[in-house]
Structures are given as C-alpha cells and as structure tokens.
C-alpha cells in the first residue's frame, strides 16, 4: 500500500444486536469517505469492542467490507477487545490506492 496515492478514512460505531454489521456499514458510508471503497486497492481496518466481541461478530463486519471491495484488493484487519466498552462496536477503515474511473 506504499505510494498508493491519497487515502480516505471512515469511522463507524453501532450498538444493538447487529452492531458489528451496522458499524461496518457506518464506516463505509462515513462522510469522510468521499469516494466509495469499491475502487480502493488497499484497505486497513480495525474493529474494537468489549468482551462481547466474538469471532462471529468480527466475521460479520468483515463480510460487509469484503463484499464491497475489489476482489484483488489488499485487505489488512485487526481486532481489539477493550473491556471498558460495553455494548458497542467501533470500526475504523482506511482506504487507499483508488483506481481511476476508466480503470474499473
């Protein structure tokens, strides 16, 4: 992802039963992302939740993100358990290496 041009960041948080999915959607639809992530060739994203954050919830968020991006994109993710967070999930996403419109 080095020398990939401009980067954009999206942040999403959510609570409730579908918080992992909703946080991913909120990060993707963040006003900080003025381009869609569909054209990004590199994405780094992190999910943070409390002790309730399960691998299933991480996978649910990952599916939302992976379904939208180019299948050849390089994706890197991390997950953090923060015991001080209760009932909430936060996702931070950085997208870079945007293909020009004519390349897609």
PDB file of N, CA and C in Angstrom:
ATOM      1  N   UNK A   1       0.808  -1.189   0.000  1.00  0.00           N
ATOM      2  CA  UNK A   1       0.000   0.000   0.000  1.00  0.00           C
ATOM      3  C   UNK A   1       0.858   1.263   0.000  1.00  0.00           C
ATOM      4  N   UNK A   2       2.158   1.080   0.006  1.00  0.00           N
ATOM      5  CA  UNK A   2       3.060   2.224  -0.047  1.00  0.00           C
ATOM      6  C   UNK A   2       2.932   2.928  -1.391  1.00  0.00           C
ATOM      7  N   UNK A   3       3.050   4.235  -1.370  1.00  0.00           N
ATOM      8  CA  UNK A   3       2.986   5.057  -2.582  1.00  0.00           C
ATOM      9  C   UNK A   3       1.710   4.820  -3.383  1.00  0.00           C
ATOM     10  N   UNK A   4       0.601   4.604  -2.697  1.00  0.00           N
ATOM     11  CA  UNK A   4      -0.664   4.289  -3.367  1.00  0.00           C
ATOM     12  C   UNK A   4      -1.535   5.519  -3.598  1.00  0.00           C
ATOM     13  N   UNK A   5      -1.002   6.695  -3.356  1.00  0.00           N
ATOM     14  CA  UNK A   5      -1.790   7.905  -3.578  1.00  0.00           C
ATOM     15  C   UNK A   5      -2.575   8.309  -2.352  1.00  0.00           C
ATOM     16  N   UNK A   6      -3.651   9.029  -2.578  1.00  0.00           N
ATOM     17  CA  UNK A   6      -4.438   9.554  -1.467  1.00  0.00           C
ATOM     18  C   UNK A   6      -5.140   8.433  -0.710  1.00  0.00           C
ATOM     19  N   UNK A   7      -5.389   8.713   0.565  1.00  0.00           N
ATOM     20  CA  UNK A   7      -6.079   7.764   1.433  1.00  0.00           C
ATOM     21  C   UNK A   7      -7.294   8.448   2.037  1.00  0.00           C
ATOM     22  N   UNK A   8      -8.301   7.672   2.304  1.00  0.00           N
ATOM     23  CA  UNK A   8      -9.509   8.181   2.933  1.00  0.00           C
ATOM     24  C   UNK A   8      -9.844   7.319   4.137  1.00  0.00           C
ATOM     25  N   UNK A   9     -10.476   7.937   5.138  1.00  0.00           N
ATOM     26  CA  UNK A   9     -10.773   7.228   6.370  1.00  0.00           C
ATOM     27  C   UNK A   9     -12.270   7.267   6.643  1.00  0.00           C
ATOM     28  N   UNK A  10     -12.791   6.160   7.138  1.00  0.00           N
ATOM     29  CA  UNK A  10     -14.180   6.080   7.564  1.00  0.00           C
ATOM     30  C   UNK A  10     -14.248   5.528   8.972  1.00  0.00           C
ATOM     31  N   UNK A  11     -15.169   6.049   9.757  1.00  0.00           N
ATOM     32  CA  UNK A  11     -15.344   5.602  11.135  1.00  0.00           C
ATOM     33  C   UNK A  11     -16.821   5.295  11.342  1.00  0.00           C
ATOM     34  N   UNK A  12     -17.101   4.156  11.943  1.00  0.00           N
ATOM     35  CA  UNK A  12     -18.480   3.789  12.225  1.00  0.00           C
ATOM     36  C   UNK A  12     -18.608   3.151  13.591  1.00  0.00           C
ATOM     37  N   UNK A  13     -19.654   3.495  14.307  1.00  0.00           N
ATOM     38  CA  UNK A  13     -19.950   2.864  15.590  1.00  0.00           C
ATOM     39  C   UNK A  13     -21.411   2.444  15.584  1.00  0.00           C
ATOM     40  N   UNK A  14     -21.711   1.461  16.393  1.00  0.00           N
ATOM     41  CA  UNK A  14     -23.098   0.996  16.479  1.00  0.00           C
ATOM     42  C   UNK A  14     -23.312   0.231  17.778  1.00  0.00           C
ATOM     43  N   UNK A  15     -24.556   0.178  18.184  1.00  0.00           N
ATOM     44  CA  UNK A  15     -24.975  -0.616  19.334  1.00  0.00           C
ATOM     45  C   UNK A  15     -26.130  -1.500  18.878  1.00  0.00           C
ATOM     46  N   UNK A  16     -26.536  -2.383  19.740  1.00  0.00           N
ATOM     47  CA  UNK A  16     -27.673  -3.243  19.415  1.00  0.00           C
ATOM     48  C   UNK A  16     -27.247  -4.611  18.929  1.00  0.00           C
ATOM     49  N   UNK A  17     -28.235  -5.391  18.569  1.00  0.00           N
ATOM     50  CA  UNK A  17     -27.999  -6.789  18.208  1.00  0.00           C
ATOM     51  C   UNK A  17     -27.125  -6.943  16.963  1.00  0.00           C
ATOM     52  N   UNK A  18     -27.266  -6.059  15.994  1.00  0.00           N
ATOM     53  CA  UNK A  18     -26.498  -6.151  14.743  1.00  0.00           C
ATOM     54  C   UNK A  18     -25.371  -5.109  14.710  1.00  0.00           C
ATOM     55  N   UNK A  19     -24.784  -4.819  15.871  1.00  0.00           N
ATOM     56  CA  UNK A  19     -23.804  -3.733  15.986  1.00  0.00           C
ATOM     57  C   UNK A  19     -22.572  -3.908  15.112  1.00  0.00           C
ATOM     58  N   UNK A  20     -22.077  -5.116  14.922  1.00  0.00           N
ATOM     59  CA  UNK A  20     -20.881  -5.314  14.092  1.00  0.00           C
ATOM     60  C   UNK A  20     -21.193  -4.987  12.633  1.00  0.00           C
ATOM     61  N   UNK A  21     -22.285  -5.496  12.133  1.00  0.00           N
ATOM     62  CA  UNK A  21     -22.705  -5.214  10.752  1.00  0.00           C
ATOM     63  C   UNK A  21     -22.983  -3.727  10.571  1.00  0.00           C
ATOM     64  N   UNK A  22     -23.718  -3.138  11.507  1.00  0.00           N
ATOM     65  CA  UNK A  22     -24.085  -1.726  11.404  1.00  0.00           C
ATOM     66  C   UNK A  22     -22.861  -0.814  11.498  1.00  0.00           C
ATOM     67  N   UNK A  23     -21.910  -1.152  12.355  1.00  0.00           N
ATOM     68  CA  UNK A  23     -20.685  -0.348  12.461  1.00  0.00           C
ATOM     69  C   UNK A  23     -19.900  -0.396  11.157  1.00  0.00           C
ATOM     70  N   UNK A  24     -19.850  -1.564  10.521  1.00  0.00           N
ATOM     71  CA  UNK A  24     -19.159  -1.685   9.230  1.00  0.00           C
ATOM     72  C   UNK A  24     -19.851  -0.837   8.172  1.00  0.00           C
ATOM     73  N   UNK A  25     -21.165  -0.895   8.118  1.00  0.00           N
ATOM     74  CA  UNK A  25     -21.910  -0.077   7.154  1.00  0.00           C
ATOM     75  C   UNK A  25     -21.712   1.409   7.427  1.00  0.00           C
ATOM     76  N   UNK A  26     -21.704   1.794   8.698  1.00  0.00           N
ATOM     77  CA  UNK A  26     -21.487   3.198   9.050  1.00  0.00           C
ATOM     78  C   UNK A  26     -20.089   3.661   8.653  1.00  0.00           C
ATOM     79  N   UNK A  27     -19.092   2.806   8.811  1.00  0.00           N
ATOM     80  CA  UNK A  27     -17.723   3.166   8.422  1.00  0.00           C
ATOM     81  C   UNK A  27     -17.622   3.330   6.910  1.00  0.00           C
ATOM     82  N   UNK A  28     -18.271   2.453   6.180  1.00  0.00           N
ATOM     83  CA  UNK A  28     -18.239   2.505   4.714  1.00  0.00           C
ATOM     84  C   UNK A  28     -18.972   3.743   4.202  1.00  0.00           C
ATOM     85  N   UNK A  29     -20.040   4.124   4.885  1.00  0.00           N
ATOM     86  CA  UNK A  29     -20.853   5.265   4.460  1.00  0.00           C
ATOM     87  C   UNK A  29     -20.447   6.562   5.150  1.00  0.00           C
ATOM     88  N   UNK A  30     -19.314   6.558   5.825  1.00  0.00           N
ATOM     89  CA  UNK A  30     -18.834   7.729   6.550  1.00  0.00           C
ATOM     90  C   UNK A  30     -18.647   8.912   5.608  1.00  0.00           C
ATOM     91  N   UNK A  31     -19.016  10.119   6.056  1.00  0.00           N
ATOM     92  CA  UNK A  31     -18.808  11.292   5.208  1.00  0.00           C
ATOM     93  C   UNK A  31     -17.330  11.579   4.940  1.00  0.00           C
ATOM     94  N   UNK A  32     -16.440  10.989   5.718  1.00  0.00           N
ATOM     95  CA  UNK A  32     -15.008  11.161   5.473  1.00  0.00           C
ATOM     96  C   UNK A  32     -14.565  10.415   4.221  1.00  0.00           C
ATOM     97  N   UNK A  33     -15.347   9.429   3.797  1.00  0.00           N
ATOM     98  CA  UNK A  33     -15.052   8.688   2.567  1.00  0.00           C
ATOM     99  C   UNK A  33     -15.828   9.328   1.422  1.00  0.00           C
ATOM    100  N   UNK A  34     -15.222  10.306   0.759  1.00  0.00           N
ATOM    101  CA  UNK A  34     -15.960  10.957  -0.317  1.00  0.00           C
ATOM    102  C   UNK A  34     -15.946  10.146  -1.607  1.00  0.00           C
ATOM    103  N   UNK A  35     -15.176   9.083  -1.649  1.00  0.00           N
ATOM    104  CA  UNK A  35     -15.225   8.105  -2.739  1.00  0.00           C
ATOM    105  C   UNK A  35     -15.668   6.785  -2.130  1.00  0.00           C
ATOM    106  N   UNK A  36     -16.323   5.957  -2.899  1.00  0.00           N
ATOM    107  CA  UNK A  36     -16.681   4.638  -2.398  1.00  0.00           C
ATOM    108  C   UNK A  36     -15.445   3.754  -2.288  1.00  0.00           C
ATOM    109  N   UNK A  37     -15.461   2.817  -1.364  1.00  0.00           N
ATOM    110  CA  UNK A  37     -14.299   1.937  -1.192  1.00  0.00           C
ATOM    111  C   UNK A  37     -14.208   0.886  -2.288  1.00  0.00           C
ATOM    112  N   UNK A  38     -15.208   0.837  -3.158  1.00  0.00           N
ATOM    113  CA  UNK A  38     -15.220  -0.175  -4.217  1.00  0.00           C
ATOM    114  C   UNK A  38     -13.986  -0.087  -5.112  1.00  0.00           C
ATOM    115  N   UNK A  39     -13.434   1.110  -5.285  1.00  0.00           N
ATOM    116  CA  UNK A  39     -12.291   1.294  -6.182  1.00  0.00           C
ATOM    117  C   UNK A  39     -10.949   1.272  -5.457  1.00  0.00           C
ATOM    118  N   UNK A  40     -10.943   1.068  -4.156  1.00  0.00           N
ATOM    119  CA  UNK A  40      -9.691   1.045  -3.396  1.00  0.00           C
ATOM    120  C   UNK A  40      -8.935  -0.255  -3.657  1.00  0.00           C
ATOM    121  N   UNK A  41      -7.627  -0.148  -3.758  1.00  0.00           N
ATOM    122  CA  UNK A  41      -6.803  -1.348  -3.941  1.00  0.00           C
ATOM    123  C   UNK A  41      -6.159  -1.794  -2.633  1.00  0.00           C
ATOM    124  N   UNK A  42      -6.291  -0.983  -1.595  1.00  0.00           N
ATOM    125  CA  UNK A  42      -5.758  -1.343  -0.292  1.00  0.00           C
ATOM    126  C   UNK A  42      -6.646  -0.806   0.816  1.00  0.00           C
ATOM    127  N   UNK A  43      -6.951  -1.654   1.788  1.00  0.00           N
ATOM    128  CA  UNK A  43      -7.791  -1.244   2.913  1.00  0.00           C
ATOM    129  C   UNK A  43      -7.217  -1.829   4.195  1.00  0.00           C
ATOM    130  N   UNK A  44      -7.071  -0.962   5.181  1.00  0.00           N
ATOM    131  CA  UNK A  44      -6.704  -1.378   6.529  1.00  0.00           C
ATOM    132  C   UNK A  44      -7.901  -1.026   7.403  1.00  0.00           C
ATOM    133  N   UNK A  45      -8.372  -2.001   8.174  1.00  0.00           N
ATOM    134  CA  UNK A  45      -9.496  -1.698   9.049  1.00  0.00           C
ATOM    135  C   UNK A  45      -9.341  -2.387  10.390  1.00  0.00           C
ATOM    136  N   UNK A  46      -9.944  -1.759  11.396  1.00  0.00           N
ATOM    137  CA  UNK A  46      -9.854  -2.262  12.755  1.00  0.00           C
ATOM    138  C   UNK A  46     -11.247  -2.258  13.379  1.00  0.00           C
ATOM    139  N   UNK A  47     -11.530  -3.307  14.116  1.00  0.00           N
ATOM    140  CA  UNK A  47     -12.792  -3.403  14.849  1.00  0.00           C
ATOM    141  C   UNK A  47     -12.467  -3.448  16.336  1.00  0.00           C
ATOM    142  N   UNK A  48     -13.178  -2.644  17.110  1.00  0.00           N
ATOM    143  CA  UNK A  48     -12.970  -2.588  18.553  1.00  0.00           C
ATOM    144  C   UNK A  48     -14.301  -2.803  19.250  1.00  0.00           C
ATOM    145  N   UNK A  49     -14.289  -3.665  20.232  1.00  0.00           N
ATOM    146  CA  UNK A  49     -15.496  -3.933  21.006  1.00  0.00           C
ATOM    147  C   UNK A  49     -15.128  -4.389  22.403  1.00  0.00           C
ATOM    148  N   UNK A  50     -16.122  -4.547  23.222  1.00  0.00           N
ATOM    149  CA  UNK A  50     -15.907  -5.015  24.585  1.00  0.00           C
ATOM    150  C   UNK A  50     -15.761  -6.527  24.634  1.00  0.00           C
ATOM    151  N   UNK A  51     -15.916  -7.067  25.816  1.00  0.00           N
ATOM    152  CA  UNK A  51     -15.748  -8.509  25.995  1.00  0.00           C
ATOM    153  C   UNK A  51     -16.800  -9.309  25.225  1.00  0.00           C
ATOM    154  N   UNK A  52     -17.844  -8.646  24.755  1.00  0.00           N
ATOM    155  CA  UNK A  52     -18.899  -9.294  23.960  1.00  0.00           C
ATOM    156  C   UNK A  52     -18.464  -9.549  22.513  1.00  0.00           C
ATOM    157  N   UNK A  53     -17.347  -8.958  22.081  1.00  0.00           N
ATOM    158  CA  UNK A  53     -16.924  -9.069  20.681  1.00  0.00           C
ATOM    159  C   UNK A  53     -16.434 -10.491  20.400  1.00  0.00           C
ATOM    160  N   UNK A  54     -17.191 -11.208  19.597  1.00  0.00           N
ATOM    161  CA  UNK A  54     -16.856 -12.593  19.265  1.00  0.00           C
ATOM    162  C   UNK A  54     -16.273 -12.667  17.860  1.00  0.00           C
ATOM    163  N   UNK A  55     -15.679 -13.788  17.542  1.00  0.00           N
ATOM    164  CA  UNK A  55     -15.153 -14.007  16.198  1.00  0.00           C
ATOM    165  C   UNK A  55     -16.284 -13.968  15.170  1.00  0.00           C
ATOM    166  N   UNK A  56     -17.448 -14.427  15.545  1.00  0.00           N
ATOM    167  CA  UNK A  56     -18.604 -14.374  14.646  1.00  0.00           C
ATOM    168  C   UNK A  56     -18.945 -12.929  14.280  1.00  0.00           C
ATOM    169  N   UNK A  57     -18.924 -12.033  15.271  1.00  0.00           N
ATOM    170  CA  UNK A  57     -19.230 -10.625  15.006  1.00  0.00           C
ATOM    171  C   UNK A  57     -18.144  -9.977  14.154  1.00  0.00           C
ATOM    172  N   UNK A  58     -16.891 -10.326  14.404  1.00  0.00           N
ATOM    173  CA  UNK A  58     -15.795  -9.813  13.575  1.00  0.00           C
ATOM    174  C   UNK A  58     -15.993 -10.276  12.136  1.00  0.00           C
ATOM    175  N   UNK A  59     -16.348 -11.535  11.953  1.00  0.00           N
ATOM    176  CA  UNK A  59     -16.581 -12.078  10.616  1.00  0.00           C
ATOM    177  C   UNK A  59     -17.765 -11.395   9.928  1.00  0.00           C
ATOM    178  N   UNK A  60     -18.804 -11.095  10.683  1.00  0.00           N
ATOM    179  CA  UNK A  60     -19.964 -10.398  10.124  1.00  0.00           C
ATOM    180  C   UNK A  60     -19.553  -9.041   9.560  1.00  0.00           C
ATOM    181  N   UNK A  61     -18.750  -8.295  10.310  1.00  0.00           N
ATOM    182  CA  UNK A  61     -18.261  -6.995   9.836  1.00  0.00           C
ATOM    183  C   UNK A  61     -17.356  -7.177   8.623  1.00  0.00           C
ATOM    184  N   UNK A  62     -16.493  -8.186   8.665  1.00  0.00           N
ATOM    185  CA  UNK A  62     -15.569  -8.441   7.553  1.00  0.00           C
ATOM    186  C   UNK A  62     -16.331  -8.741   6.268  1.00  0.00           C
ATOM    187  N   UNK A  63     -17.384  -9.513   6.356  1.00  0.00           N
ATOM    188  CA  UNK A  63     -18.167  -9.849   5.163  1.00  0.00           C
ATOM    189  C   UNK A  63     -18.767  -8.607   4.516  1.00  0.00           C
ATOM    190  N   UNK A  64     -19.233  -7.660   5.326  1.00  0.00           N
ATOM    191  CA  UNK A  64     -19.793  -6.418   4.789  1.00  0.00           C
ATOM    192  C   UNK A  64     -18.727  -5.671   4.000  1.00  0.00           C
ATOM    193  N   UNK A  65     -17.542  -5.565   4.568  1.00  0.00           N
ATOM    194  CA  UNK A  65     -16.455  -4.820   3.924  1.00  0.00           C
ATOM    195  C   UNK A  65     -15.937  -5.574   2.706  1.00  0.00           C
ATOM    196  N   UNK A  66     -15.667  -6.853   2.852  1.00  0.00           N
ATOM    197  CA  UNK A  66     -15.085  -7.640   1.758  1.00  0.00           C
ATOM    198  C   UNK A  66     -16.029  -7.752   0.566  1.00  0.00           C
ATOM    199  N   UNK A  67     -17.338  -7.757   0.822  1.00  0.00           N
ATOM    200  CA  UNK A  67     -18.304  -7.861  -0.275  1.00  0.00           C
ATOM    201  C   UNK A  67     -18.335  -6.611  -1.154  1.00  0.00           C
ATOM    202  N   UNK A  68     -17.869  -5.491  -0.633  1.00  0.00           N
ATOM    203  CA  UNK A  68     -17.930  -4.238  -1.383  1.00  0.00           C
ATOM    204  C   UNK A  68     -16.662  -3.910  -2.159  1.00  0.00           C
ATOM    205  N   UNK A  69     -15.547  -4.494  -1.777  1.00  0.00           N
ATOM    206  CA  UNK A  69     -14.276  -4.087  -2.383  1.00  0.00           C
ATOM    207  C   UNK A  69     -13.902  -4.973  -3.563  1.00  0.00           C
ATOM    208  N   UNK A  70     -12.961  -4.470  -4.326  1.00  0.00           N
ATOM    209  CA  UNK A  70     -12.404  -5.222  -5.448  1.00  0.00           C
ATOM    210  C   UNK A  70     -11.824  -6.533  -4.910  1.00  0.00           C
ATOM    211  N   UNK A  71     -12.129  -7.663  -5.534  1.00  0.00           N
ATOM    212  CA  UNK A  71     -11.622  -8.949  -5.037  1.00  0.00           C
ATOM    213  C   UNK A  71     -10.099  -9.042  -5.041  1.00  0.00           C
ATOM    214  N   UNK A  72      -9.426  -8.187  -5.809  1.00  0.00           N
ATOM    215  CA  UNK A  72      -7.960  -8.221  -5.833  1.00  0.00           C
ATOM    216  C   UNK A  72      -7.340  -7.233  -4.851  1.00  0.00           C
ATOM    217  N   UNK A  73      -8.167  -6.515  -4.097  1.00  0.00           N
ATOM    218  CA  UNK A  73      -7.658  -5.526  -3.144  1.00  0.00           C
ATOM    219  C   UNK A  73      -6.914  -6.210  -1.998  1.00  0.00           C
ATOM    220  N   UNK A  74      -5.931  -5.516  -1.473  1.00  0.00           N
ATOM    221  CA  UNK A  74      -5.165  -5.982  -0.325  1.00  0.00           C
ATOM    222  C   UNK A  74      -5.859  -5.476   0.936  1.00  0.00           C
ATOM    223  N   UNK A  75      -6.377  -6.387   1.756  1.00  0.00           N
ATOM    224  CA  UNK A  75      -7.067  -6.012   2.983  1.00  0.00           C
ATOM    225  C   UNK A  75      -6.302  -6.512   4.196  1.00  0.00           C
ATOM    226  N   UNK A  76      -6.153  -5.636   5.169  1.00  0.00           N
ATOM    227  CA  UNK A  76      -5.490  -5.970   6.428  1.00  0.00           C
ATOM    228  C   UNK A  76      -6.437  -5.540   7.540  1.00  0.00           C
ATOM    229  N   UNK A  77      -6.637  -6.413   8.533  1.00  0.00           N
ATOM    230  CA  UNK A  77      -7.533  -6.020   9.612  1.00  0.00           C
ATOM    231  C   UNK A  77      -6.950  -6.386  10.966  1.00  0.00           C
ATOM    232  N   UNK A  78      -7.489  -5.745  11.968  1.00  0.00           N
ATOM    233  CA  UNK A  78      -7.131  -6.037  13.347  1.00  0.00           C
ATOM    234  C   UNK A  78      -8.384  -5.993  14.197  1.00  0.00           C
ATOM    235  N   UNK A  79      -8.327  -6.645  15.334  1.00  0.00           N
ATOM    236  CA  UNK A  79      -9.447  -6.650  16.271  1.00  0.00           C
ATOM    237  C   UNK A  79      -8.912  -6.376  17.669  1.00  0.00           C
ATOM    238  N   UNK A  80      -9.635  -5.551  18.412  1.00  0.00           N
ATOM    239  CA  UNK A  80      -9.218  -5.167  19.755  1.00  0.00           C
ATOM    240  C   UNK A  80     -10.381  -5.394  20.712  1.00  0.00           C
ATOM    241  N   UNK A  81     -10.083  -6.019  21.834  1.00  0.00           N
ATOM    242  CA  UNK A  81     -11.056  -6.159  22.913  1.00  0.00           C
ATOM    243  C   UNK A  81     -10.708  -5.104  23.955  1.00  0.00           C
ATOM    244  N   UNK A  82     -11.638  -4.194  24.192  1.00  0.00           N
ATOM    245  CA  UNK A  82     -11.459  -3.144  25.193  1.00  0.00           C
ATOM    246  C   UNK A  82     -12.528  -3.348  26.262  1.00  0.00           C
ATOM    247  N   UNK A  83     -12.139  -3.844  27.430  1.00  0.00           N
ATOM    248  CA  UNK A  83     -13.122  -4.151  28.473  1.00  0.00           C
ATOM    249  C   UNK A  83     -13.940  -2.943  28.932  1.00  0.00           C
ATOM    250  N   UNK A  84     -13.455  -1.736  28.663  1.00  0.00           N
ATOM    251  CA  UNK A  84     -14.192  -0.545  29.094  1.00  0.00           C
ATOM    252  C   UNK A  84     -15.366  -0.218  28.171  1.00  0.00           C
ATOM    253  N   UNK A  85     -15.428  -0.877  27.013  1.00  0.00           N
ATOM    254  CA  UNK A  85     -16.531  -0.657  26.077  1.00  0.00           C
ATOM    255  C   UNK A  85     -17.600  -1.712  26.339  1.00  0.00           C
ATOM    256  N   UNK A  86     -18.827  -1.269  26.490  1.00  0.00           N
ATOM    257  CA  UNK A  86     -19.912  -2.211  26.748  1.00  0.00           C
ATOM    258  C   UNK A  86     -21.039  -1.999  25.744  1.00  0.00           C
ATOM    259  N   UNK A  87     -21.351  -3.043  24.979  1.00  0.00           N
ATOM    260  CA  UNK A  87     -22.486  -2.993  24.074  1.00  0.00           C
ATOM    261  C   UNK A  87     -22.297  -2.154  22.825  1.00  0.00           C
ATOM    262  N   UNK A  88     -21.068  -1.837  22.487  1.00  0.00           N
ATOM    263  CA  UNK A  88     -20.801  -1.001  21.311  1.00  0.00           C
ATOM    264  C   UNK A  88     -19.652  -1.590  20.509  1.00  0.00           C
ATOM    265  N   UNK A  89     -19.701  -1.396  19.207  1.00  0.00           N
ATOM    266  CA  UNK A  89     -18.609  -1.793  18.311  1.00  0.00           C
ATOM    267  C   UNK A  89     -18.212  -0.567  17.506  1.00  0.00           C
ATOM    268  N   UNK A  90     -16.908  -0.368  17.349  1.00  0.00           N
ATOM    269  CA  UNK A  90     -16.383   0.719  16.521  1.00  0.00           C
ATOM    270  C   UNK A  90     -15.497   0.135  15.440  1.00  0.00           C
ATOM    271  N   UNK A  91     -15.604   0.681  14.244  1.00  0.00           N
ATOM    272  CA  UNK A  91     -14.755   0.255  13.133  1.00  0.00           C
ATOM    273  C   UNK A  91     -14.115   1.492  12.521  1.00  0.00           C
ATOM    274  N   UNK A  92     -12.808   1.420  12.355  1.00  0.00           N
ATOM    275  CA  UNK A  92     -12.054   2.454  11.654  1.00  0.00           C
ATOM    276  C   UNK A  92     -11.504   1.818  10.396  1.00  0.00           C
ATOM    277  N   UNK A  93     -11.664   2.496   9.281  1.00  0.00           N
ATOM    278  CA  UNK A  93     -11.292   1.951   7.985  1.00  0.00           C
ATOM    279  C   UNK A  93     -10.475   3.001   7.230  1.00  0.00           C
ATOM    280  N   UNK A  94      -9.341   2.597   6.686  1.00  0.00           N
ATOM    281  CA  UNK A  94      -8.529   3.471   5.843  1.00  0.00           C
ATOM    282  C   UNK A  94      -8.419   2.806   4.483  1.00  0.00           C
ATOM    283  N   UNK A  95      -8.835   3.527   3.456  1.00  0.00           N
ATOM    284  CA  UNK A  95      -8.806   3.007   2.084  1.00  0.00           C
ATOM    285  C   UNK A  95      -7.823   3.834   1.264  1.00  0.00           C
ATOM    286  N   UNK A  96      -7.068   3.164   0.400  1.00  0.00           N
ATOM    287  CA  UNK A  96      -6.063   3.850  -0.410  1.00  0.00           C
ATOM    288  C   UNK A  96      -5.941   3.177  -1.771  1.00  0.00           C
ATOM    289  N   UNK A  97      -5.160   3.787  -2.643  1.00  0.00           N
ATOM    290  CA  UNK A  97      -4.902   3.200  -3.958  1.00  0.00           C
ATOM    291  C   UNK A  97      -6.123   3.166  -4.840  1.00  0.00           C
ATOM    292  N   UNK A  98      -6.837   4.270  -4.924  1.00  0.00           N
ATOM    293  CA  UNK A  98      -8.075   4.299  -5.701  1.00  0.00           C
ATOM    294  C   UNK A  98      -7.789   4.241  -7.190  1.00  0.00           C
ATOM    295  N   UNK A  99      -8.458   3.315  -7.853  1.00  0.00           N
ATOM    296  CA  UNK A  99      -8.344   3.198  -9.307  1.00  0.00           C
ATOM    297  C   UNK A  99      -9.086   4.361  -9.944  1.00  0.00           C
ATOM    298  N   UNK A 100      -8.570   4.830 -11.062  1.00  0.00           N
ATOM    299  CA  UNK A 100      -9.285   5.862 -11.817  1.00  0.00           C
ATOM    300  C   UNK A 100     -10.551   5.257 -12.394  1.00  0.00           C
ATOM    301  N   UNK A 101     -11.518   6.105 -12.656  1.00  0.00           N
ATOM    302  CA  UNK A 101     -12.819   5.646 -13.158  1.00  0.00           C
ATOM    303  C   UNK A 101     -12.674   4.775 -14.401  1.00  0.00           C
ATOM    304  N   UNK A 102     -11.780   5.145 -15.322  1.00  0.00           N
ATOM    305  CA  UNK A 102     -11.633   4.379 -16.561  1.00  0.00           C
ATOM    306  C   UNK A 102     -10.949   3.034 -16.342  1.00  0.00           C
ATOM    307  N   UNK A 103     -10.311   2.824 -15.172  1.00  0.00           N
ATOM    308  CA  UNK A 103      -9.645   1.555 -14.883  1.00  0.00           C
ATOM    309  C   UNK A 103     -10.606   0.512 -14.351  1.00  0.00           C
ATOM    310  N   UNK A 104     -11.778   0.922 -13.882  1.00  0.00           N
ATOM    311  CA  UNK A 104     -12.699  -0.032 -13.258  1.00  0.00           C
ATOM    312  C   UNK A 104     -13.580  -0.708 -14.264  1.00  0.00           C
TER     313      UNK A 104
END
